[in-house]
Amino acid sequence: MRERGWLNWAMHLGFYLLLAASASRLVSRHGMDPRTVASLAVCGLLAAVYAVGVVLWGDLGRGRLVWLGAVIAVWLVLVVLAPSFSWCAVPLLFLCLRLLRPRGFMVATAALTLVVIAAQLKIAREVDPSLILAPIGVATMTAVIFWELQRESAARQRLIDDLISTRGTLADSRHRTGVLEERERLAREIHDTLAQGLTSMGILLQAADRMWAADPARAHAHVRRAATAAAENLEEARRFVRDLQPSGLEGVPLPEALARLCHGTGHDTGPAVRFRQEGEGYPLEPDVQAALLRVAQGALANVRDHSGAETAMVTLSYLDGEITLDVFDDGAGFAEPTPAPGRGYGLRAMRDRLAEVAGSLAVESVPGEGTAVAARVPAGGALTAPLPARGARAESPDVAADGTEGR
């Protein structure tokens, strides 16, 4: 338990002041007779013993009880020689409170009070009830005040300990939350990069294997595209480890990155994909751009893997109040989204990414009429400087979708 430093030093100072006052009274009333000299010698010894404990307090440990016993013993000898030193009992009572257990403190309080009463009766010319009642009253008030201060100090220390413990618990909870969030982030990154890239490579290699004998030129083209996809995914993995934004956004605005996504990763094993931009573009926060690009990747992966569509359209719209990304395909559609066994992370990952930038995701589908995936992000995440002038509408040529993981 932490102790009140100011109160400790006040009690030490009070002890020496009472000691000095008692010695001065002794000399003024009795002069320097042999008994006075003996009393002063014991007074000096008491001051020295008390000072040793004050100086070595932190090093005494359990030896403090021995030191307290020595101080009280020397004080008792001094009171026998000169009863006027009895009022030094008040700071001694404080020491007893600090060092003794409650029962020991009560016994010490009663003993010190009796010594003070006996000393007062010894030097009094007439016996008066006040000589008994005054020491009892002073001892009671002093003990109650010291006890209350000690109790408040203990309660405050318990509160501090609880706060420290709570802070540690909160830090652990934040750490665990951070670990879970980081695991979720890693899962999304792996889903949106490595898993989708490996799926694309697998589809290309399977197509190459099927036409290896019948059409070697196209088979070799698929193999080359798979090799290119492998190199791109290796670079993506390196950037992912370094915790950078998607490589598709490095040095280019979001519309160009989406156009490249639709055009540059296409192959003839999936639907033709078109891209268009609506509205005048303006800069977006990197997190918003990364989220929308990943949503487009995931949505196109779903189109290729599940829809059976012939065409798909990716539309990026810059509106006054929000930025929207719509991916529509003319595939089979569905009544309820039913992920394939072992899959099903795509839509949840899209929603989680958009939630991090205050966005939302809506999926609409009608069996036989296709599916529309719509992402919305508030325009509050946009930066203020305008982009260089672009056309209000831009489209990519019809190309096939890239290979990524499904719903």
Protein backbone atom coordinates (compact mmCIF):
# COMPACT_ATOMS: atom_id res chain seq x y z
CA MET A 1 0.00 0.00 0.00
CA ARG A 2 1.29 3.40 -0.90
CA GLU A 3 1.66 5.72 2.06
CA ARG A 4 0.95 9.44 2.39
CA GLY A 5 4.41 10.94 2.15
CA TRP A 6 3.38 14.35 3.41
CA LEU A 7 1.66 12.86 6.48
CA ASN A 8 4.69 10.71 7.28
CA TRP A 9 7.02 13.69 7.23
CA ALA A 10 4.54 15.78 9.24
CA MET A 11 4.51 13.09 11.96
CA HIS A 12 8.30 12.86 11.94
CA LEU A 13 8.58 16.63 12.27
CA GLY A 14 5.95 16.61 15.02
CA PHE A 15 7.88 13.96 16.92
CA TYR A 16 11.09 16.03 16.93
CA LEU A 17 9.20 19.23 17.82
CA LEU A 18 7.53 17.53 20.79
CA LEU A 19 10.89 16.06 21.78
CA ALA A 20 12.52 19.49 21.63
CA ALA A 21 9.62 21.15 23.51
CA SER A 22 9.76 18.55 26.28
CA ALA A 23 13.55 18.91 26.59
CA SER A 24 13.23 22.72 26.77
CA ARG A 25 10.58 22.46 29.49
CA LEU A 26 12.73 20.01 31.42
CA VAL A 27 15.75 22.32 31.36
CA SER A 28 13.73 25.46 32.21
CA ARG A 29 12.07 23.84 35.22
CA HIS A 30 14.84 21.70 36.67
CA GLY A 31 18.08 23.18 35.38
CA MET A 32 21.05 21.02 34.46
CA ASP A 33 21.00 18.66 37.43
CA PRO A 34 22.23 15.05 37.03
CA ARG A 35 18.69 13.76 36.37
CA THR A 36 18.17 16.37 33.67
CA VAL A 37 21.48 15.49 32.04
CA ALA A 38 20.55 11.80 32.10
CA SER A 39 17.16 12.60 30.61
CA LEU A 40 18.75 14.69 27.84
CA ALA A 41 21.15 11.85 27.09
CA VAL A 42 18.24 9.40 26.73
CA CYS A 43 16.41 12.04 24.66
CA GLY A 44 19.38 12.21 22.27
CA LEU A 45 19.45 8.42 22.05
CA LEU A 46 15.72 8.36 21.24
CA ALA A 47 16.21 11.01 18.53
CA ALA A 48 19.07 8.98 17.02
CA VAL A 49 17.18 5.66 17.06
CA TYR A 50 14.13 7.34 15.53
CA ALA A 51 16.28 8.96 12.81
CA VAL A 52 17.81 5.59 11.88
CA GLY A 53 14.35 4.20 11.14
CA VAL A 54 13.34 7.24 9.11
CA VAL A 55 16.50 7.13 6.97
CA LEU A 56 16.54 3.34 6.50
CA TRP A 57 12.77 2.89 6.25
CA GLY A 58 12.82 1.35 2.79
CA ASP A 59 15.59 -1.11 3.69
CA LEU A 60 14.27 -2.30 7.06
CA GLY A 61 11.46 -4.49 5.76
CA ARG A 62 10.22 -6.66 8.62
CA GLY A 63 12.89 -5.07 10.78
CA ARG A 64 10.57 -2.07 11.14
CA LEU A 65 8.76 -3.85 13.99
CA VAL A 66 12.06 -4.31 15.82
CA TRP A 67 12.85 -0.65 15.25
CA LEU A 68 9.39 0.37 16.56
CA GLY A 69 9.93 -1.75 19.67
CA ALA A 70 13.33 -0.10 20.26
CA VAL A 71 11.85 3.41 19.86
CA ILE A 72 9.01 2.69 22.31
CA ALA A 73 11.39 1.07 24.79
CA VAL A 74 13.74 4.08 24.79
CA TRP A 75 10.74 6.42 25.04
CA LEU A 76 9.41 4.52 28.09
CA VAL A 77 12.79 4.93 29.82
CA LEU A 78 12.72 8.63 28.96
CA VAL A 79 9.16 9.04 30.33
CA VAL A 80 10.23 7.37 33.58
CA LEU A 81 13.09 9.87 33.91
CA ALA A 82 11.09 12.89 32.68
CA PRO A 83 7.29 12.46 32.44
CA SER A 84 7.00 15.64 30.31
CA PHE A 85 8.17 13.57 27.30
CA SER A 86 4.94 11.54 27.45
CA TRP A 87 3.24 13.66 24.75
CA CYS A 88 5.59 12.20 22.15
CA ALA A 89 3.10 9.33 22.27
CA VAL A 90 1.00 10.99 19.54
CA PRO A 91 3.50 10.49 16.66
CA LEU A 92 4.39 7.08 18.14
CA LEU A 93 0.70 6.20 17.86
CA PHE A 94 0.91 7.00 14.15
CA LEU A 95 3.88 4.66 13.77
CA CYS A 96 1.91 1.89 15.49
CA LEU A 97 -0.95 2.39 13.05
CA ARG A 98 1.40 2.10 10.09
CA LEU A 99 3.22 -1.00 11.28
CA LEU A 100 0.80 -3.02 13.42
CA ARG A 101 -2.27 -5.04 12.61
CA PRO A 102 -5.62 -3.71 13.92
CA ARG A 103 -5.55 -5.77 17.12
CA GLY A 104 -1.93 -4.88 17.82
CA PHE A 105 -2.71 -1.23 17.15
CA MET A 106 -5.57 -1.25 19.69
CA VAL A 107 -3.31 -2.81 22.33
CA ALA A 108 -0.53 -0.30 21.60
CA THR A 109 -3.01 2.61 21.77
CA ALA A 110 -4.28 1.50 25.18
CA ALA A 111 -0.73 0.99 26.48
CA LEU A 112 0.53 4.38 25.26
CA THR A 113 -2.54 6.10 26.70
CA LEU A 114 -1.96 4.51 30.11
CA VAL A 115 1.69 5.66 30.04
CA VAL A 116 0.61 9.22 29.26
CA ILE A 117 -2.00 9.17 32.06
CA ALA A 118 0.55 7.82 34.55
CA ALA A 119 3.08 10.48 33.52
CA GLN A 120 0.53 13.28 33.87
CA LEU A 121 -0.53 12.05 37.29
CA LYS A 122 3.11 11.89 38.36
CA ILE A 123 3.90 15.53 37.54
CA ALA A 124 0.51 16.97 38.56
CA ARG A 125 0.30 18.83 41.89
CA GLU A 126 -3.38 17.93 42.22
CA VAL A 127 -5.24 14.93 40.85
CA ASP A 128 -7.90 16.06 38.44
CA PRO A 129 -10.24 13.98 36.21
CA SER A 130 -8.91 15.89 33.23
CA LEU A 131 -5.56 14.22 33.73
CA ILE A 132 -7.24 10.94 32.86
CA LEU A 133 -9.93 12.03 30.47
CA ALA A 134 -7.73 14.36 28.37
CA PRO A 135 -5.19 11.66 27.37
CA ILE A 136 -8.02 9.24 26.61
CA GLY A 137 -9.80 11.85 24.48
CA VAL A 138 -6.61 12.84 22.62
CA ALA A 139 -5.71 9.19 22.04
CA THR A 140 -9.22 8.38 20.80
CA MET A 141 -9.38 11.33 18.39
CA THR A 142 -5.87 10.71 17.16
CA ALA A 143 -6.48 7.00 16.63
CA VAL A 144 -9.79 7.63 14.83
CA ILE A 145 -8.28 10.29 12.56
CA PHE A 146 -5.24 8.18 11.74
CA TRP A 147 -7.40 5.10 11.21
CA GLU A 148 -9.73 6.95 8.83
CA LEU A 149 -6.78 8.33 6.87
CA GLN A 150 -5.35 4.84 6.67
CA ARG A 151 -8.69 3.42 5.56
CA GLU A 152 -9.11 6.07 2.84
CA SER A 153 -5.57 5.47 1.69
CA ALA A 154 -6.21 1.72 1.49
CA ALA A 155 -9.49 2.27 -0.38
CA ARG A 156 -7.79 4.65 -2.80
CA GLN A 157 -5.00 2.19 -3.38
CA ARG A 158 -7.50 -0.61 -4.05
CA LEU A 159 -9.21 1.65 -6.55
CA ILE A 160 -5.89 2.40 -8.23
CA ASP A 161 -5.06 -1.31 -8.32
CA ASP A 162 -8.49 -2.03 -9.81
CA LEU A 163 -7.97 0.66 -12.43
CA ILE A 164 -4.56 -0.74 -13.29
CA SER A 165 -6.02 -4.23 -13.50
CA THR A 166 -8.92 -2.96 -15.63
CA ARG A 167 -6.51 -1.13 -17.87
CA GLY A 168 -4.52 -4.30 -18.30
CA THR A 169 -7.69 -6.28 -19.03
CA LEU A 170 -8.80 -3.62 -21.51
CA ALA A 171 -5.39 -3.69 -23.16
CA ASP A 172 -5.62 -7.48 -23.45
CA SER A 173 -9.14 -7.19 -24.87
CA ARG A 174 -7.99 -4.60 -27.39
CA HIS A 175 -5.09 -6.83 -28.30
CA ARG A 176 -7.38 -9.81 -28.85
CA THR A 177 -9.78 -7.64 -30.85
CA GLY A 178 -6.89 -6.37 -32.92
CA VAL A 179 -5.72 -9.92 -33.54
CA LEU A 180 -9.21 -10.96 -34.67
CA GLU A 181 -9.52 -7.90 -36.90
CA GLU A 182 -6.12 -8.58 -38.38
CA ARG A 183 -7.06 -12.20 -39.02
CA GLU A 184 -10.23 -11.01 -40.76
CA ARG A 185 -8.21 -8.56 -42.81
CA LEU A 186 -5.73 -11.27 -43.76
CA ALA A 187 -8.58 -13.57 -44.74
CA ARG A 188 -10.04 -10.89 -47.01
CA GLU A 189 -6.67 -10.12 -48.54
CA ILE A 190 -5.95 -13.79 -49.22
CA HIS A 191 -9.44 -14.26 -50.65
CA ASP A 192 -9.22 -11.21 -52.90
CA THR A 193 -5.67 -11.81 -54.12
CA LEU A 194 -4.08 -15.23 -53.81
CA ALA A 195 -7.24 -17.36 -53.85
CA GLN A 196 -8.78 -15.54 -56.80
CA GLY A 197 -5.48 -15.52 -58.68
CA LEU A 198 -4.98 -19.25 -58.15
CA THR A 199 -8.54 -19.91 -59.33
CA SER A 200 -7.88 -17.91 -62.49
CA MET A 201 -4.64 -19.78 -63.12
CA GLY A 202 -6.41 -23.09 -62.58
CA ILE A 203 -9.11 -22.25 -65.11
CA LEU A 204 -6.53 -21.13 -67.68
CA LEU A 205 -4.43 -24.26 -67.24
CA GLN A 206 -7.51 -26.52 -67.44
CA ALA A 207 -8.53 -24.79 -70.69
CA ALA A 208 -5.00 -25.20 -72.03
CA ASP A 209 -5.01 -28.89 -71.16
CA ARG A 210 -8.32 -29.48 -72.96
CA MET A 211 -7.14 -27.90 -76.22
CA TRP A 212 -3.46 -28.86 -76.06
CA ALA A 213 -3.73 -31.34 -78.94
CA ALA A 214 -6.50 -29.71 -80.95
CA ASP A 215 -5.31 -26.09 -80.81
CA PRO A 216 -1.71 -25.81 -79.51
CA ALA A 217 -1.48 -22.09 -80.25
CA ARG A 218 -4.45 -21.23 -78.03
CA ALA A 219 -3.26 -23.70 -75.39
CA HIS A 220 0.14 -21.99 -75.27
CA ALA A 221 -1.61 -18.62 -75.06
CA HIS A 222 -3.55 -19.84 -72.01
CA VAL A 223 -0.34 -21.11 -70.42
CA ARG A 224 1.32 -17.74 -71.01
CA ARG A 225 -1.66 -15.98 -69.44
CA ALA A 226 -1.46 -18.33 -66.46
CA ALA A 227 2.25 -17.52 -66.10
CA THR A 228 1.43 -13.80 -66.25
CA ALA A 229 -1.26 -14.29 -63.60
CA ALA A 230 1.24 -16.18 -61.43
CA ALA A 231 3.74 -13.31 -61.68
CA GLU A 232 1.06 -10.76 -60.85
CA ASN A 233 -0.11 -12.77 -57.87
CA LEU A 234 3.45 -13.14 -56.63
CA GLU A 235 3.84 -9.37 -56.74
CA GLU A 236 0.46 -8.98 -55.04
CA ALA A 237 1.56 -11.37 -52.31
CA ARG A 238 4.74 -9.37 -51.73
CA ARG A 239 2.77 -6.16 -51.50
CA PHE A 240 0.26 -7.85 -49.24
CA VAL A 241 3.07 -8.85 -46.87
CA ARG A 242 4.29 -5.25 -46.87
CA ASP A 243 0.70 -4.15 -46.13
CA LEU A 244 0.44 -1.91 -49.18
CA GLN A 245 -2.71 -1.05 -51.08
CA PRO A 246 -3.65 -3.22 -54.09
CA SER A 247 -1.04 -3.07 -56.81
CA GLY A 248 -3.73 -2.31 -59.37
CA LEU A 249 -4.14 1.11 -57.75
CA GLU A 250 -0.48 2.01 -57.63
CA GLY A 251 0.01 5.20 -59.60
CA VAL A 252 -3.38 5.07 -61.33
CA PRO A 253 -6.88 6.33 -60.40
CA LEU A 254 -9.68 3.95 -59.60
CA PRO A 255 -11.43 4.13 -63.03
CA GLU A 256 -8.24 3.15 -64.83
CA ALA A 257 -7.62 0.33 -62.38
CA LEU A 258 -11.14 -1.00 -62.96
CA ALA A 259 -10.71 -0.72 -66.74
CA ARG A 260 -7.48 -2.71 -66.50
CA LEU A 261 -9.22 -5.27 -64.33
CA CYS A 262 -11.91 -5.78 -66.95
CA HIS A 263 -9.53 -5.68 -69.92
CA GLY A 264 -6.13 -6.95 -68.85
CA THR A 265 -7.06 -10.18 -67.09
CA GLY A 266 -9.59 -11.49 -69.57
CA HIS A 267 -9.59 -14.83 -71.32
CA ASP A 268 -12.04 -16.72 -73.49
CA THR A 269 -13.23 -19.06 -70.74
CA GLY A 270 -15.65 -16.56 -69.23
CA PRO A 271 -18.07 -13.78 -70.13
CA ALA A 272 -17.16 -10.61 -71.97
CA VAL A 273 -16.79 -7.74 -69.53
CA ARG A 274 -17.32 -4.03 -70.23
CA PHE A 275 -16.43 -1.08 -68.01
CA ARG A 276 -17.88 2.39 -68.00
CA GLN A 277 -17.59 5.48 -65.85
CA GLU A 278 -20.45 7.87 -65.20
CA GLY A 279 -20.04 11.36 -63.82
CA GLU A 280 -16.94 13.50 -63.49
CA GLY A 281 -14.33 11.73 -61.42
CA TYR A 282 -12.85 13.13 -58.23
CA PRO A 283 -10.13 11.73 -55.97
CA LEU A 284 -11.07 9.20 -53.31
CA GLU A 285 -9.36 8.09 -50.14
CA PRO A 286 -7.00 5.13 -50.75
CA ASP A 287 -9.10 2.87 -48.51
CA VAL A 288 -12.24 3.64 -50.51
CA GLN A 289 -10.48 2.94 -53.81
CA ALA A 290 -9.04 -0.33 -52.48
CA ALA A 291 -12.46 -1.45 -51.18
CA LEU A 292 -14.23 -0.73 -54.48
CA LEU A 293 -11.52 -2.44 -56.52
CA ARG A 294 -11.70 -5.53 -54.33
CA VAL A 295 -15.49 -5.57 -54.60
CA ALA A 296 -15.20 -5.48 -58.38
CA GLN A 297 -12.69 -8.34 -58.32
CA GLY A 298 -14.94 -10.46 -56.12
CA ALA A 299 -18.09 -9.70 -58.07
CA LEU A 300 -16.45 -10.57 -61.41
CA ALA A 301 -15.13 -13.80 -59.90
CA ASN A 302 -18.70 -14.69 -58.93
CA VAL A 303 -19.89 -13.86 -62.45
CA ARG A 304 -17.32 -16.14 -64.05
CA ASP A 305 -17.60 -19.03 -61.59
CA HIS A 306 -21.35 -19.16 -60.98
CA SER A 307 -23.46 -17.15 -63.39
CA GLY A 308 -22.90 -18.77 -66.79
CA ALA A 309 -23.24 -15.27 -68.20
CA GLU A 310 -22.13 -14.19 -71.68
CA THR A 311 -21.59 -10.52 -70.82
CA ALA A 312 -21.08 -8.41 -67.71
CA MET A 313 -21.00 -4.66 -67.14
CA VAL A 314 -18.99 -2.82 -64.45
CA THR A 315 -20.20 0.75 -63.86
CA LEU A 316 -18.46 3.28 -61.62
CA SER A 317 -20.62 6.34 -60.91
CA TYR A 318 -19.42 9.59 -59.30
CA LEU A 319 -22.50 11.17 -57.72
CA ASP A 320 -22.87 14.23 -55.52
CA GLY A 321 -23.56 12.29 -52.35
CA GLU A 322 -21.90 8.93 -52.95
CA ILE A 323 -19.73 6.78 -55.16
CA THR A 324 -21.37 3.66 -56.56
CA LEU A 325 -20.02 0.55 -58.20
CA ASP A 326 -22.45 -1.73 -60.03
CA VAL A 327 -21.61 -5.11 -61.54
CA PHE A 328 -24.37 -6.62 -63.70
CA ASP A 329 -24.36 -9.90 -65.60
CA ASP A 330 -26.88 -11.59 -67.88
CA GLY A 331 -26.38 -14.99 -66.37
CA ALA A 332 -28.69 -17.56 -64.77
CA GLY A 333 -29.33 -15.57 -61.62
CA PHE A 334 -30.56 -17.20 -58.42
CA ALA A 335 -33.43 -17.10 -55.96
CA GLU A 336 -31.20 -17.25 -52.87
CA PRO A 337 -27.39 -17.07 -52.84
CA THR A 338 -26.14 -20.61 -52.23
CA PRO A 339 -22.36 -20.81 -51.96
CA ALA A 340 -20.55 -23.83 -53.22
CA PRO A 341 -19.17 -26.24 -50.61
CA GLY A 342 -16.06 -24.84 -49.00
CA ARG A 343 -16.71 -21.37 -50.47
CA GLY A 344 -19.03 -18.55 -49.51
CA TYR A 345 -16.57 -15.97 -48.20
CA GLY A 346 -16.82 -13.55 -51.16
CA LEU A 347 -20.01 -11.61 -50.41
CA ARG A 348 -19.22 -11.39 -46.71
CA ALA A 349 -15.73 -10.11 -47.50
CA MET A 350 -17.21 -7.47 -49.82
CA ARG A 351 -19.62 -6.29 -47.12
CA ASP A 352 -16.87 -6.20 -44.51
CA ARG A 353 -14.60 -4.15 -46.76
CA LEU A 354 -17.35 -1.66 -47.53
CA ALA A 355 -18.34 -1.41 -43.87
CA GLU A 356 -14.80 -0.26 -43.06
CA VAL A 357 -15.37 2.79 -45.30
CA ALA A 358 -19.00 3.35 -44.18
CA GLY A 359 -20.30 1.72 -47.35
CA SER A 360 -22.92 -0.94 -48.08
CA LEU A 361 -23.54 -3.77 -50.52
CA ALA A 362 -26.80 -4.84 -52.16
CA VAL A 363 -27.32 -7.95 -54.29
CA GLU A 364 -30.35 -8.38 -56.56
CA SER A 365 -30.95 -11.41 -58.73
CA VAL A 366 -33.81 -12.98 -60.67
CA PRO A 367 -33.54 -16.56 -61.94
CA GLY A 368 -32.93 -16.51 -65.65
CA GLU A 369 -32.43 -12.74 -65.81
CA GLY A 370 -29.02 -12.21 -64.26
CA THR A 371 -27.57 -10.64 -61.13
CA ALA A 372 -26.70 -7.09 -60.07
CA VAL A 373 -24.22 -6.28 -57.29
CA ALA A 374 -24.31 -2.66 -56.11
CA ALA A 375 -21.75 -1.10 -53.78
CA ARG A 376 -22.37 2.33 -52.23
CA VAL A 377 -19.84 4.50 -50.40
CA PRO A 378 -20.63 8.00 -49.03
CA ALA A 379 -18.85 10.83 -50.82
CA GLY A 380 -17.55 12.10 -47.47
CA GLY A 381 -14.46 9.94 -47.97
CA ALA A 382 -13.58 11.83 -51.14
CA LEU A 383 -10.69 14.24 -51.31
CA THR A 384 -11.18 17.84 -52.38
CA ALA A 385 -8.86 18.26 -55.38
CA PRO A 386 -10.49 17.36 -58.73
CA LEU A 387 -9.07 14.74 -61.03
CA PRO A 388 -7.82 15.73 -64.45
CA ALA A 389 -10.72 16.06 -66.84
CA ARG A 390 -12.11 12.73 -68.02
CA GLY A 391 -15.05 11.95 -70.15
CA ALA A 392 -18.37 11.59 -68.41
CA ARG A 393 -18.47 8.06 -69.74
CA ALA A 394 -15.69 5.60 -70.53
CA GLU A 395 -15.97 2.02 -71.68
CA SER A 396 -13.56 -0.82 -72.14
CA PRO A 397 -13.81 -3.21 -75.07
CA ASP A 398 -15.57 -6.51 -74.56
CA VAL A 399 -13.21 -8.84 -72.79
CA ALA A 400 -13.49 -11.87 -70.56
CA ALA A 401 -13.57 -11.60 -66.74
CA ASP A 402 -10.56 -12.47 -64.66
CA GLY A 403 -10.46 -15.61 -62.58
CA THR A 404 -11.22 -15.13 -58.87
CA GLU A 405 -12.98 -16.89 -56.04
CA GLY A 406 -16.73 -17.17 -55.84
CA ARG A 407 -19.50 -16.18 -53.50
